[in-house]
Amino acid sequence: MVSPQGSDTVSYNYIIYPRINLNPIREMQKLTTLILILGLISCGDNIEQFVPNDISVVHTELKNIGESKSSSYKLNNNTLSTISTNMDTDIEIPINTFYNPSELSDIPYQLDIIELSSYSDYITRNITQVSDEGIRDVIHSVYVSAKDNDNKSLSIKNNKEIIIRIPSEERDGKLQIGNGYVANNSIAWSYNNAIQNLRIKYTEWTKLNSENVLEKFSGYEFPVSQTGWYSLTVIDDAPYTLNDLCVTIEDEKLNSDNTLVYVVMDSHQYLLQAQSISEDQYCSYNVPIASSTIEVISISYIENESTFYYAAMEINPNQIESTIRLSPQSVNIEDLSSSLDNL
């Protein structure tokens, strides 16, 4: 096993998929966003490095909540390497996996890993589950990249694959892998890689723990042939309706520069970030409602006060048509972390 060499965190923008409505003003807002999204998806390259971009002070401050979800490992390309992350994910890298521009076989490199598995993880790392297809229950998301001693990114050879094993209970339903990609500093998920999705299997493996005792794990295994983001999900076939949801923040010092608003499903690992449409109002369009209740939360950070503000409200689907009002209260970082962990 290889031990991590250090950690850091990365944050990303988000995108929202709107639908056309009959209200002319809202229709124009949604259409503008739709044109932007179509441009991102059609023109964006599947690049391997996600670009850090702190959109606001609240995004920056949220990165300090909770433990780091990233780690780095010093490895060599001419050696079979198996690492176990802090989240017990098992990653196997065969000999000579990465493309070598030189003739040398002995190439030291750094493997970087980021892992997300909870609402708290996704919120504090500024990633939502917006995708090109319906609702997905997210089991685990993982980012894999490698770079040489000159800090140049390394790509996987055409005939090579990295094996990823994620600890998990076996889940009902069809499994699917989402591929993350960036365009204009934004992140989106695509679920069109059908061939790879057929290669997901439930399996067992072992590793030596810190007490040098062999420990058994079970979970899902899948191969990847490129570096980048991958998200293991379960397809949800339950019927759902698409609804627009708007939230008003009742505090004049809280605005789009220091506030985030999220919609959280109660029965699905599915997170949406609302879009600011005015100084105090945030809307999320095309919210897929497939559960009895959903939760709306707001997180704010006032820089000159060095203070977080938080509010949460559970609502029923029949409340969605009316504007939801939140009154955030000051909260310390420990209580905010606990609230996010309990989502």
Foldseek 3Di string as FASTA:
>chain_A
DFDFDDADAAAFAAAAQFDADPPVVVRVVNVVSNVVVVCQVVPFDQDQDQDGDDPFPQLVVLLPFDDFQKTKTKDWQQDWDWDQDPQRKIKTFGHNFWDDPDPDRTFIKMKMKGKDAALSRCSNRHHFQAEPDDAWFFGMKMFIWMAGPVRHTIWTDPPGKMKIWHFDDDDDAQKFKWFWGGGPRYIYTYGPPVVQSVAKDKDKDWDQDPVRDIDIGIGIMGIDRTGHMMIMTGDDPAAWFFAKAKEFEPDQVQFPNFKWKKKAAPVGRGIDTFDGPDGGMTMHGGDTDRDQKIKMKMWGADVVVRWIWIWMDIDGPVCRVDYHYTYTDTDDSVVVSVVRRVD
